[in-house]
Amino acid sequence: PRGSYYSRKESYDYWGQGTQVTVSS
């Protein structure tokens, strides 16, 4: 709620563990 920039990771408080995306040609 105190973040000023939506594109900066520093403006986010909580994160998930991530999911892998792999794209092959």
mmCIF file of all heavy atoms, coordinates in Angstrom:
data_MODEL
# 
_entry.id   MODEL 
# 
loop_
_atom_site.group_PDB 
_atom_site.id 
_atom_site.type_symbol 
_atom_site.label_atom_id 
_atom_site.label_alt_id 
_atom_site.label_comp_id 
_atom_site.label_asym_id 
_atom_site.label_entity_id 
_atom_site.label_seq_id 
_atom_site.pdbx_PDB_ins_code 
_atom_site.Cartn_x 
_atom_site.Cartn_y 
_atom_site.Cartn_z 
_atom_site.occupancy 
_atom_site.B_iso_or_equiv 
_atom_site.pdbx_formal_charge 
_atom_site.auth_seq_id 
_atom_site.auth_comp_id 
_atom_site.auth_asym_id 
_atom_site.auth_atom_id 
_atom_site.pdbx_PDB_model_num 
ATOM 1   N N   . PRO A 1 1  ? 0.806  -1.226  0.000   1.00 0.00 ? 1  PRO A N   1 
ATOM 2   C CA  . PRO A 1 1  ? 0.000  0.000   0.000   1.00 0.00 ? 1  PRO A CA  1 
ATOM 3   C C   . PRO A 1 1  ? 0.832  1.265   0.000   1.00 0.00 ? 1  PRO A C   1 
ATOM 4   O O   . PRO A 1 1  ? 0.311  2.334   -0.317  1.00 0.00 ? 1  PRO A O   1 
ATOM 5   C CB  . PRO A 1 1  ? -0.822 -0.122  1.290   1.00 0.00 ? 1  PRO A CB  1 
ATOM 6   C CG  . PRO A 1 1  ? -0.036 -1.038  2.160   1.00 0.00 ? 1  PRO A CG  1 
ATOM 7   C CD  . PRO A 1 1  ? 0.604  -2.016  1.225   1.00 0.00 ? 1  PRO A CD  1 
ATOM 8   N N   . ARG A 1 2  ? 2.107  1.159   0.319   1.00 0.00 ? 2  ARG A N   1 
ATOM 9   C CA  . ARG A 1 2  ? 2.993  2.321   0.344   1.00 0.00 ? 2  ARG A CA  1 
ATOM 10  C C   . ARG A 1 2  ? 3.859  2.428   -0.913  1.00 0.00 ? 2  ARG A C   1 
ATOM 11  O O   . ARG A 1 2  ? 4.610  3.380   -1.062  1.00 0.00 ? 2  ARG A O   1 
ATOM 12  C CB  . ARG A 1 2  ? 3.895  2.265   1.567   1.00 0.00 ? 2  ARG A CB  1 
ATOM 13  C CG  . ARG A 1 2  ? 4.615  0.942   1.722   1.00 0.00 ? 2  ARG A CG  1 
ATOM 14  C CD  . ARG A 1 2  ? 5.517  0.929   2.940   1.00 0.00 ? 2  ARG A CD  1 
ATOM 15  N NE  . ARG A 1 2  ? 5.867  -0.434  3.306   1.00 0.00 ? 2  ARG A NE  1 
ATOM 16  C CZ  . ARG A 1 2  ? 6.748  -1.181  2.649   1.00 0.00 ? 2  ARG A CZ  1 
ATOM 17  N NH1 . ARG A 1 2  ? 7.355  -0.697  1.574   1.00 0.00 ? 2  ARG A NH1 1 
ATOM 18  N NH2 . ARG A 1 2  ? 7.009  -2.413  3.053   1.00 0.00 ? 2  ARG A NH2 1 
ATOM 19  N N   . GLY A 1 3  ? 3.778  1.464   -1.790  1.00 0.00 ? 3  GLY A N   1 
ATOM 20  C CA  . GLY A 1 3  ? 4.561  1.479   -3.006  1.00 0.00 ? 3  GLY A CA  1 
ATOM 21  C C   . GLY A 1 3  ? 4.080  2.532   -3.985  1.00 0.00 ? 3  GLY A C   1 
ATOM 22  O O   . GLY A 1 3  ? 2.880  2.796   -4.094  1.00 0.00 ? 3  GLY A O   1 
ATOM 23  N N   . SER A 1 4  ? 5.021  3.120   -4.717  1.00 0.00 ? 4  SER A N   1 
ATOM 24  C CA  . SER A 1 4  ? 4.692  4.182   -5.656  1.00 0.00 ? 4  SER A CA  1 
ATOM 25  C C   . SER A 1 4  ? 4.761  3.755   -7.118  1.00 0.00 ? 4  SER A C   1 
ATOM 26  O O   . SER A 1 4  ? 4.160  4.406   -7.967  1.00 0.00 ? 4  SER A O   1 
ATOM 27  C CB  . SER A 1 4  ? 5.625  5.376   -5.448  1.00 0.00 ? 4  SER A CB  1 
ATOM 28  O OG  . SER A 1 4  ? 5.484  5.922   -4.149  1.00 0.00 ? 4  SER A OG  1 
ATOM 29  N N   . TYR A 1 5  ? 5.485  2.675   -7.415  1.00 0.00 ? 5  TYR A N   1 
ATOM 30  C CA  . TYR A 1 5  ? 5.714  2.262   -8.793  1.00 0.00 ? 5  TYR A CA  1 
ATOM 31  C C   . TYR A 1 5  ? 5.321  0.802   -8.981  1.00 0.00 ? 5  TYR A C   1 
ATOM 32  O O   . TYR A 1 5  ? 5.937  -0.100  -8.416  1.00 0.00 ? 5  TYR A O   1 
ATOM 33  C CB  . TYR A 1 5  ? 7.177  2.467   -9.170  1.00 0.00 ? 5  TYR A CB  1 
ATOM 34  C CG  . TYR A 1 5  ? 7.658  3.877   -8.918  1.00 0.00 ? 5  TYR A CG  1 
ATOM 35  C CD1 . TYR A 1 5  ? 8.377  4.189   -7.769  1.00 0.00 ? 5  TYR A CD1 1 
ATOM 36  C CD2 . TYR A 1 5  ? 7.380  4.894   -9.827  1.00 0.00 ? 5  TYR A CD2 1 
ATOM 37  C CE1 . TYR A 1 5  ? 8.809  5.481   -7.534  1.00 0.00 ? 5  TYR A CE1 1 
ATOM 38  C CE2 . TYR A 1 5  ? 7.812  6.190   -9.591  1.00 0.00 ? 5  TYR A CE2 1 
ATOM 39  C CZ  . TYR A 1 5  ? 8.527  6.481   -8.451  1.00 0.00 ? 5  TYR A CZ  1 
ATOM 40  O OH  . TYR A 1 5  ? 8.959  7.765   -8.228  1.00 0.00 ? 5  TYR A OH  1 
ATOM 41  N N   . TYR A 1 6  ? 4.338  0.572   -9.821  1.00 0.00 ? 6  TYR A N   1 
ATOM 42  C CA  . TYR A 1 6  ? 3.838  -0.781  -10.018 1.00 0.00 ? 6  TYR A CA  1 
ATOM 43  C C   . TYR A 1 6  ? 4.814  -1.684  -10.762 1.00 0.00 ? 6  TYR A C   1 
ATOM 44  O O   . TYR A 1 6  ? 4.704  -2.908  -10.700 1.00 0.00 ? 6  TYR A O   1 
ATOM 45  C CB  . TYR A 1 6  ? 2.497  -0.761  -10.760 1.00 0.00 ? 6  TYR A CB  1 
ATOM 46  C CG  . TYR A 1 6  ? 2.551  -0.109  -12.130 1.00 0.00 ? 6  TYR A CG  1 
ATOM 47  C CD1 . TYR A 1 6  ? 3.026  -0.812  -13.235 1.00 0.00 ? 6  TYR A CD1 1 
ATOM 48  C CD2 . TYR A 1 6  ? 2.109  1.192   -12.312 1.00 0.00 ? 6  TYR A CD2 1 
ATOM 49  C CE1 . TYR A 1 6  ? 3.081  -0.225  -14.482 1.00 0.00 ? 6  TYR A CE1 1 
ATOM 50  C CE2 . TYR A 1 6  ? 2.157  1.785   -13.566 1.00 0.00 ? 6  TYR A CE2 1 
ATOM 51  C CZ  . TYR A 1 6  ? 2.645  1.079   -14.643 1.00 0.00 ? 6  TYR A CZ  1 
ATOM 52  O OH  . TYR A 1 6  ? 2.690  1.669   -15.883 1.00 0.00 ? 6  TYR A OH  1 
ATOM 53  N N   . SER A 1 7  ? 5.774  -1.099  -11.481 1.00 0.00 ? 7  SER A N   1 
ATOM 54  C CA  . SER A 1 7  ? 6.712  -1.886  -12.262 1.00 0.00 ? 7  SER A CA  1 
ATOM 55  C C   . SER A 1 7  ? 7.991  -2.243  -11.502 1.00 0.00 ? 7  SER A C   1 
ATOM 56  O O   . SER A 1 7  ? 8.844  -2.937  -12.047 1.00 0.00 ? 7  SER A O   1 
ATOM 57  C CB  . SER A 1 7  ? 7.081  -1.137  -13.543 1.00 0.00 ? 7  SER A CB  1 
ATOM 58  O OG  . SER A 1 7  ? 7.717  0.092   -13.254 1.00 0.00 ? 7  SER A OG  1 
ATOM 59  N N   . ARG A 1 8  ? 8.114  -1.795  -10.283 1.00 0.00 ? 8  ARG A N   1 
ATOM 60  C CA  . ARG A 1 8  ? 9.308  -2.064  -9.491  1.00 0.00 ? 8  ARG A CA  1 
ATOM 61  C C   . ARG A 1 8  ? 9.025  -3.141  -8.446  1.00 0.00 ? 8  ARG A C   1 
ATOM 62  O O   . ARG A 1 8  ? 8.048  -3.060  -7.716  1.00 0.00 ? 8  ARG A O   1 
ATOM 63  C CB  . ARG A 1 8  ? 9.800  -0.794  -8.805  1.00 0.00 ? 8  ARG A CB  1 
ATOM 64  C CG  . ARG A 1 8  ? 10.204 0.303   -9.792  1.00 0.00 ? 8  ARG A CG  1 
ATOM 65  C CD  . ARG A 1 8  ? 10.725 1.524   -9.078  1.00 0.00 ? 8  ARG A CD  1 
ATOM 66  N NE  . ARG A 1 8  ? 11.121 2.568   -10.001 1.00 0.00 ? 8  ARG A NE  1 
ATOM 67  C CZ  . ARG A 1 8  ? 11.601 3.747   -9.649  1.00 0.00 ? 8  ARG A CZ  1 
ATOM 68  N NH1 . ARG A 1 8  ? 11.756 4.036   -8.360  1.00 0.00 ? 8  ARG A NH1 1 
ATOM 69  N NH2 . ARG A 1 8  ? 11.930 4.635   -10.564 1.00 0.00 ? 8  ARG A NH2 1 
ATOM 70  N N   . LYS A 1 9  ? 9.899  -4.123  -8.375  1.00 0.00 ? 9  LYS A N   1 
ATOM 71  C CA  . LYS A 1 9  ? 9.691  -5.212  -7.435  1.00 0.00 ? 9  LYS A CA  1 
ATOM 72  C C   . LYS A 1 9  ? 9.721  -4.744  -5.992  1.00 0.00 ? 9  LYS A C   1 
ATOM 73  O O   . LYS A 1 9  ? 9.132  -5.388  -5.119  1.00 0.00 ? 9  LYS A O   1 
ATOM 74  C CB  . LYS A 1 9  ? 10.718 -6.327  -7.643  1.00 0.00 ? 9  LYS A CB  1 
ATOM 75  C CG  . LYS A 1 9  ? 12.161 -5.898  -7.544  1.00 0.00 ? 9  LYS A CG  1 
ATOM 76  C CD  . LYS A 1 9  ? 13.072 -7.083  -7.858  1.00 0.00 ? 9  LYS A CD  1 
ATOM 77  C CE  . LYS A 1 9  ? 14.543 -6.713  -7.733  1.00 0.00 ? 9  LYS A CE  1 
ATOM 78  N NZ  . LYS A 1 9  ? 14.949 -5.715  -8.742  1.00 0.00 ? 9  LYS A NZ  1 
ATOM 79  N N   . GLU A 1 10 ? 10.379 -3.614  -5.746  1.00 0.00 ? 10 GLU A N   1 
ATOM 80  C CA  . GLU A 1 10 ? 10.433 -3.067  -4.396  1.00 0.00 ? 10 GLU A CA  1 
ATOM 81  C C   . GLU A 1 10 ? 9.081  -2.556  -3.912  1.00 0.00 ? 10 GLU A C   1 
ATOM 82  O O   . GLU A 1 10 ? 8.914  -2.296  -2.718  1.00 0.00 ? 10 GLU A O   1 
ATOM 83  C CB  . GLU A 1 10 ? 11.454 -1.926  -4.330  1.00 0.00 ? 10 GLU A CB  1 
ATOM 84  C CG  . GLU A 1 10 ? 12.894 -2.362  -4.509  1.00 0.00 ? 10 GLU A CG  1 
ATOM 85  C CD  . GLU A 1 10 ? 13.280 -2.561  -5.963  1.00 0.00 ? 10 GLU A CD  1 
ATOM 86  O OE1 . GLU A 1 10 ? 12.464 -2.246  -6.858  1.00 0.00 ? 10 GLU A OE1 1 
ATOM 87  O OE2 . GLU A 1 10 ? 14.406 -3.028  -6.212  1.00 0.00 ? 10 GLU A OE2 1 
ATOM 88  N N   . SER A 1 11 ? 8.116  -2.429  -4.798  1.00 0.00 ? 11 SER A N   1 
ATOM 89  C CA  . SER A 1 11 ? 6.786  -1.952  -4.441  1.00 0.00 ? 11 SER A CA  1 
ATOM 90  C C   . SER A 1 11 ? 5.841  -3.076  -4.042  1.00 0.00 ? 11 SER A C   1 
ATOM 91  O O   . SER A 1 11 ? 4.659  -2.824  -3.820  1.00 0.00 ? 11 SER A O   1 
ATOM 92  C CB  . SER A 1 11 ? 6.178  -1.164  -5.602  1.00 0.00 ? 11 SER A CB  1 
ATOM 93  O OG  . SER A 1 11 ? 6.913  0.025   -5.857  1.00 0.00 ? 11 SER A OG  1 
ATOM 94  N N   . TYR A 1 12 ? 6.342  -4.286  -3.952  1.00 0.00 ? 12 TYR A N   1 
ATOM 95  C CA  . TYR A 1 12 ? 5.530  -5.456  -3.613  1.00 0.00 ? 12 TYR A CA  1 
ATOM 96  C C   . TYR A 1 12 ? 6.021  -6.096  -2.322  1.00 0.00 ? 12 TYR A C   1 
ATOM 97  O O   . TYR A 1 12 ? 7.231  -6.214  -2.096  1.00 0.00 ? 12 TYR A O   1 
ATOM 98  C CB  . TYR A 1 12 ? 5.551  -6.469  -4.761  1.00 0.00 ? 12 TYR A CB  1 
ATOM 99  C CG  . TYR A 1 12 ? 4.911  -5.922  -6.011  1.00 0.00 ? 12 TYR A CG  1 
ATOM 100 C CD1 . TYR A 1 12 ? 5.609  -5.075  -6.857  1.00 0.00 ? 12 TYR A CD1 1 
ATOM 101 C CD2 . TYR A 1 12 ? 3.595  -6.239  -6.334  1.00 0.00 ? 12 TYR A CD2 1 
ATOM 102 C CE1 . TYR A 1 12 ? 5.008  -4.551  -7.990  1.00 0.00 ? 12 TYR A CE1 1 
ATOM 103 C CE2 . TYR A 1 12 ? 2.998  -5.730  -7.462  1.00 0.00 ? 12 TYR A CE2 1 
ATOM 104 C CZ  . TYR A 1 12 ? 3.709  -4.880  -8.290  1.00 0.00 ? 12 TYR A CZ  1 
ATOM 105 O OH  . TYR A 1 12 ? 3.116  -4.361  -9.412  1.00 0.00 ? 12 TYR A OH  1 
ATOM 106 N N   . ASP A 1 13 ? 5.073  -6.520  -1.499  1.00 0.00 ? 13 ASP A N   1 
ATOM 107 C CA  . ASP A 1 13 ? 5.394  -7.034  -0.170  1.00 0.00 ? 13 ASP A CA  1 
ATOM 108 C C   . ASP A 1 13 ? 5.485  -8.554  -0.087  1.00 0.00 ? 13 ASP A C   1 
ATOM 109 O O   . ASP A 1 13 ? 6.285  -9.088  0.681   1.00 0.00 ? 13 ASP A O   1 
ATOM 110 C CB  . ASP A 1 13 ? 4.350  -6.563  0.844   1.00 0.00 ? 13 ASP A CB  1 
ATOM 111 C CG  . ASP A 1 13 ? 4.518  -5.109  1.236   1.00 0.00 ? 13 ASP A CG  1 
ATOM 112 O OD1 . ASP A 1 13 ? 5.646  -4.592  1.160   1.00 0.00 ? 13 ASP A OD1 1 
ATOM 113 O OD2 . ASP A 1 13 ? 3.512  -4.492  1.635   1.00 0.00 ? 13 ASP A OD2 1 
ATOM 114 N N   . TYR A 1 14 ? 4.652  -9.261  -0.844  1.00 0.00 ? 14 TYR A N   1 
ATOM 115 C CA  . TYR A 1 14 ? 4.564  -10.709 -0.727  1.00 0.00 ? 14 TYR A CA  1 
ATOM 116 C C   . TYR A 1 14 ? 4.729  -11.356 -2.090  1.00 0.00 ? 14 TYR A C   1 
ATOM 117 O O   . TYR A 1 14 ? 4.188  -10.875 -3.096  1.00 0.00 ? 14 TYR A O   1 
ATOM 118 C CB  . TYR A 1 14 ? 3.225  -11.123 -0.114  1.00 0.00 ? 14 TYR A CB  1 
ATOM 119 C CG  . TYR A 1 14 ? 2.974  -10.500 1.236   1.00 0.00 ? 14 TYR A CG  1 
ATOM 120 C CD1 . TYR A 1 14 ? 2.157  -9.386  1.362   1.00 0.00 ? 14 TYR A CD1 1 
ATOM 121 C CD2 . TYR A 1 14 ? 3.565  -11.019 2.378   1.00 0.00 ? 14 TYR A CD2 1 
ATOM 122 C CE1 . TYR A 1 14 ? 1.931  -8.803  2.596   1.00 0.00 ? 14 TYR A CE1 1 
ATOM 123 C CE2 . TYR A 1 14 ? 3.350  -10.439 3.615   1.00 0.00 ? 14 TYR A CE2 1 
ATOM 124 C CZ  . TYR A 1 14 ? 2.529  -9.331  3.719   1.00 0.00 ? 14 TYR A CZ  1 
ATOM 125 O OH  . TYR A 1 14 ? 2.317  -8.757  4.946   1.00 0.00 ? 14 TYR A OH  1 
ATOM 126 N N   . TRP A 1 15 ? 5.447  -12.487 -2.105  1.00 0.00 ? 15 TRP A N   1 
ATOM 127 C CA  . TRP A 1 15 ? 5.783  -13.179 -3.347  1.00 0.00 ? 15 TRP A CA  1 
ATOM 128 C C   . TRP A 1 15 ? 5.485  -14.668 -3.252  1.00 0.00 ? 15 TRP A C   1 
ATOM 129 O O   . TRP A 1 15 ? 5.653  -15.278 -2.194  1.00 0.00 ? 15 TRP A O   1 
ATOM 130 C CB  . TRP A 1 15 ? 7.267  -13.004 -3.673  1.00 0.00 ? 15 TRP A CB  1 
ATOM 131 C CG  . TRP A 1 15 ? 7.650  -11.590 -3.909  1.00 0.00 ? 15 TRP A CG  1 
ATOM 132 C CD1 . TRP A 1 15 ? 7.914  -10.640 -2.974  1.00 0.00 ? 15 TRP A CD1 1 
ATOM 133 C CD2 . TRP A 1 15 ? 7.820  -10.961 -5.180  1.00 0.00 ? 15 TRP A CD2 1 
ATOM 134 N NE1 . TRP A 1 15 ? 8.230  -9.446  -3.579  1.00 0.00 ? 15 TRP A NE1 1 
ATOM 135 C CE2 . TRP A 1 15 ? 8.185  -9.615  -4.933  1.00 0.00 ? 15 TRP A CE2 1 
ATOM 136 C CE3 . TRP A 1 15 ? 7.704  -11.398 -6.499  1.00 0.00 ? 15 TRP A CE3 1 
ATOM 137 C CZ2 . TRP A 1 15 ? 8.430  -8.709  -5.963  1.00 0.00 ? 15 TRP A CZ2 1 
ATOM 138 C CZ3 . TRP A 1 15 ? 7.951  -10.502 -7.525  1.00 0.00 ? 15 TRP A CZ3 1 
ATOM 139 C CH2 . TRP A 1 15 ? 8.314  -9.167  -7.250  1.00 0.00 ? 15 TRP A CH2 1 
ATOM 140 N N   . GLY A 1 16 ? 5.065  -15.240 -4.370  1.00 0.00 ? 16 GLY A N   1 
ATOM 141 C CA  . GLY A 1 16 ? 4.928  -16.679 -4.448  1.00 0.00 ? 16 GLY A CA  1 
ATOM 142 C C   . GLY A 1 16 ? 6.260  -17.340 -4.735  1.00 0.00 ? 16 GLY A C   1 
ATOM 143 O O   . GLY A 1 16 ? 7.290  -16.676 -4.892  1.00 0.00 ? 16 GLY A O   1 
ATOM 144 N N   . GLN A 1 17 ? 6.252  -18.666 -4.831  1.00 0.00 ? 17 GLN A N   1 
ATOM 145 C CA  . GLN A 1 17 ? 7.471  -19.426 -5.078  1.00 0.00 ? 17 GLN A CA  1 
ATOM 146 C C   . GLN A 1 17 ? 7.834  -19.515 -6.545  1.00 0.00 ? 17 GLN A C   1 
ATOM 147 O O   . GLN A 1 17 ? 8.959  -19.895 -6.884  1.00 0.00 ? 17 GLN A O   1 
ATOM 148 C CB  . GLN A 1 17 ? 7.345  -20.825 -4.487  1.00 0.00 ? 17 GLN A CB  1 
ATOM 149 C CG  . GLN A 1 17 ? 7.270  -20.840 -2.969  1.00 0.00 ? 17 GLN A CG  1 
ATOM 150 C CD  . GLN A 1 17 ? 8.506  -20.233 -2.343  1.00 0.00 ? 17 GLN A CD  1 
ATOM 151 O OE1 . GLN A 1 17 ? 9.632  -20.659 -2.620  1.00 0.00 ? 17 GLN A OE1 1 
ATOM 152 N NE2 . GLN A 1 17 ? 8.311  -19.220 -1.499  1.00 0.00 ? 17 GLN A NE2 1 
ATOM 153 N N   . GLY A 1 18 ? 6.917  -19.179 -7.426  1.00 0.00 ? 18 GLY A N   1 
ATOM 154 C CA  . GLY A 1 18 ? 7.193  -19.161 -8.846  1.00 0.00 ? 18 GLY A CA  1 
ATOM 155 C C   . GLY A 1 18 ? 6.766  -20.430 -9.563  1.00 0.00 ? 18 GLY A C   1 
ATOM 156 O O   . GLY A 1 18 ? 6.667  -21.501 -8.966  1.00 0.00 ? 18 GLY A O   1 
ATOM 157 N N   . THR A 1 19 ? 6.520  -20.296 -10.858 1.00 0.00 ? 19 THR A N   1 
ATOM 158 C CA  . THR A 1 19 ? 6.200  -21.432 -11.712 1.00 0.00 ? 19 THR A CA  1 
ATOM 159 C C   . THR A 1 19 ? 7.014  -21.315 -12.997 1.00 0.00 ? 19 THR A C   1 
ATOM 160 O O   . THR A 1 19 ? 7.126  -20.236 -13.583 1.00 0.00 ? 19 THR A O   1 
ATOM 161 C CB  . THR A 1 19 ? 4.686  -21.498 -12.008 1.00 0.00 ? 19 THR A CB  1 
ATOM 162 O OG1 . THR A 1 19 ? 4.393  -22.681 -12.754 1.00 0.00 ? 19 THR A OG1 1 
ATOM 163 C CG2 . THR A 1 19 ? 4.203  -20.275 -12.775 1.00 0.00 ? 19 THR A CG2 1 
ATOM 164 N N   . GLN A 1 20 ? 7.595  -22.428 -13.428 1.00 0.00 ? 20 GLN A N   1 
ATOM 165 C CA  . GLN A 1 20 ? 8.505  -22.424 -14.567 1.00 0.00 ? 20 GLN A CA  1 
ATOM 166 C C   . GLN A 1 20 ? 7.745  -22.444 -15.883 1.00 0.00 ? 20 GLN A C   1 
ATOM 167 O O   . GLN A 1 20 ? 6.843  -23.261 -16.085 1.00 0.00 ? 20 GLN A O   1 
ATOM 168 C CB  . GLN A 1 20 ? 9.437  -23.633 -14.499 1.00 0.00 ? 20 GLN A CB  1 
ATOM 169 C CG  . GLN A 1 20 ? 10.371 -23.779 -15.698 1.00 0.00 ? 20 GLN A CG  1 
ATOM 170 C CD  . GLN A 1 20 ? 11.455 -22.730 -15.724 1.00 0.00 ? 20 GLN A CD  1 
ATOM 171 O OE1 . GLN A 1 20 ? 12.130 -22.512 -14.718 1.00 0.00 ? 20 GLN A OE1 1 
ATOM 172 N NE2 . GLN A 1 20 ? 11.628 -22.070 -16.863 1.00 0.00 ? 20 GLN A NE2 1 
ATOM 173 N N   . VAL A 1 21 ? 8.142  -21.556 -16.788 1.00 0.00 ? 21 VAL A N   1 
ATOM 174 C CA  . VAL A 1 21 ? 7.635  -21.542 -18.153 1.00 0.00 ? 21 VAL A CA  1 
ATOM 175 C C   . VAL A 1 21 ? 8.816  -21.724 -19.090 1.00 0.00 ? 21 VAL A C   1 
ATOM 176 O O   . VAL A 1 21 ? 9.769  -20.945 -19.047 1.00 0.00 ? 21 VAL A O   1 
ATOM 177 C CB  . VAL A 1 21 ? 6.898  -20.233 -18.482 1.00 0.00 ? 21 VAL A CB  1 
ATOM 178 C CG1 . VAL A 1 21 ? 6.540  -20.173 -19.966 1.00 0.00 ? 21 VAL A CG1 1 
ATOM 179 C CG2 . VAL A 1 21 ? 5.651  -20.096 -17.628 1.00 0.00 ? 21 VAL A CG2 1 
ATOM 180 N N   . THR A 1 22 ? 8.762  -22.746 -19.925 1.00 0.00 ? 22 THR A N   1 
ATOM 181 C CA  . THR A 1 22 ? 9.822  -23.030 -20.877 1.00 0.00 ? 22 THR A CA  1 
ATOM 182 C C   . THR A 1 22 ? 9.230  -23.063 -22.281 1.00 0.00 ? 22 THR A C   1 
ATOM 183 O O   . THR A 1 22 ? 8.295  -23.820 -22.544 1.00 0.00 ? 22 THR A O   1 
ATOM 184 C CB  . THR A 1 22 ? 10.504 -24.365 -20.571 1.00 0.00 ? 22 THR A CB  1 
ATOM 185 O OG1 . THR A 1 22 ? 11.034 -24.342 -19.241 1.00 0.00 ? 22 THR A OG1 1 
ATOM 186 C CG2 . THR A 1 22 ? 11.635 -24.628 -21.553 1.00 0.00 ? 22 THR A CG2 1 
ATOM 187 N N   . VAL A 1 23 ? 9.787  -22.248 -23.171 1.00 0.00 ? 23 VAL A N   1 
ATOM 188 C CA  . VAL A 1 23 ? 9.296  -22.152 -24.543 1.00 0.00 ? 23 VAL A CA  1 
ATOM 189 C C   . VAL A 1 23 ? 10.408 -22.585 -25.486 1.00 0.00 ? 23 VAL A C   1 
ATOM 190 O O   . VAL A 1 23 ? 11.489 -21.993 -25.499 1.00 0.00 ? 23 VAL A O   1 
ATOM 191 C CB  . VAL A 1 23 ? 8.836  -20.732 -24.892 1.00 0.00 ? 23 VAL A CB  1 
ATOM 192 C CG1 . VAL A 1 23 ? 8.225  -20.704 -26.285 1.00 0.00 ? 23 VAL A CG1 1 
ATOM 193 C CG2 . VAL A 1 23 ? 7.840  -20.229 -23.860 1.00 0.00 ? 23 VAL A CG2 1 
ATOM 194 N N   . SER A 1 24 ? 10.142 -23.610 -26.279 1.00 0.00 ? 24 SER A N   1 
ATOM 195 C CA  . SER A 1 24 ? 11.118 -24.153 -27.213 1.00 0.00 ? 24 SER A CA  1 
ATOM 196 C C   . SER A 1 24 ? 10.767 -23.743 -28.635 1.00 0.00 ? 24 SER A C   1 
ATOM 197 O O   . SER A 1 24 ? 9.594  -23.590 -28.992 1.00 0.00 ? 24 SER A O   1 
ATOM 198 C CB  . SER A 1 24 ? 11.169 -25.678 -27.117 1.00 0.00 ? 24 SER A CB  1 
ATOM 199 O OG  . SER A 1 24 ? 11.491 -26.099 -25.811 1.00 0.00 ? 24 SER A OG  1 
ATOM 200 N N   . SER A 1 25 ? 11.791 -23.588 -29.465 1.00 0.00 ? 25 SER A N   1 
ATOM 201 C CA  . SER A 1 25 ? 11.589 -23.250 -30.866 1.00 0.00 ? 25 SER A CA  1 
ATOM 202 C C   . SER A 1 25 ? 11.520 -24.482 -31.742 1.00 0.00 ? 25 SER A C   1 
ATOM 203 O O   . SER A 1 25 ? 11.006 -24.449 -32.841 1.00 0.00 ? 25 SER A O   1 
ATOM 204 C CB  . SER A 1 25 ? 12.704 -22.322 -31.349 1.00 0.00 ? 25 SER A CB  1 
ATOM 205 O OG  . SER A 1 25 ? 13.963 -22.955 -31.230 1.00 0.00 ? 25 SER A OG  1 
# 
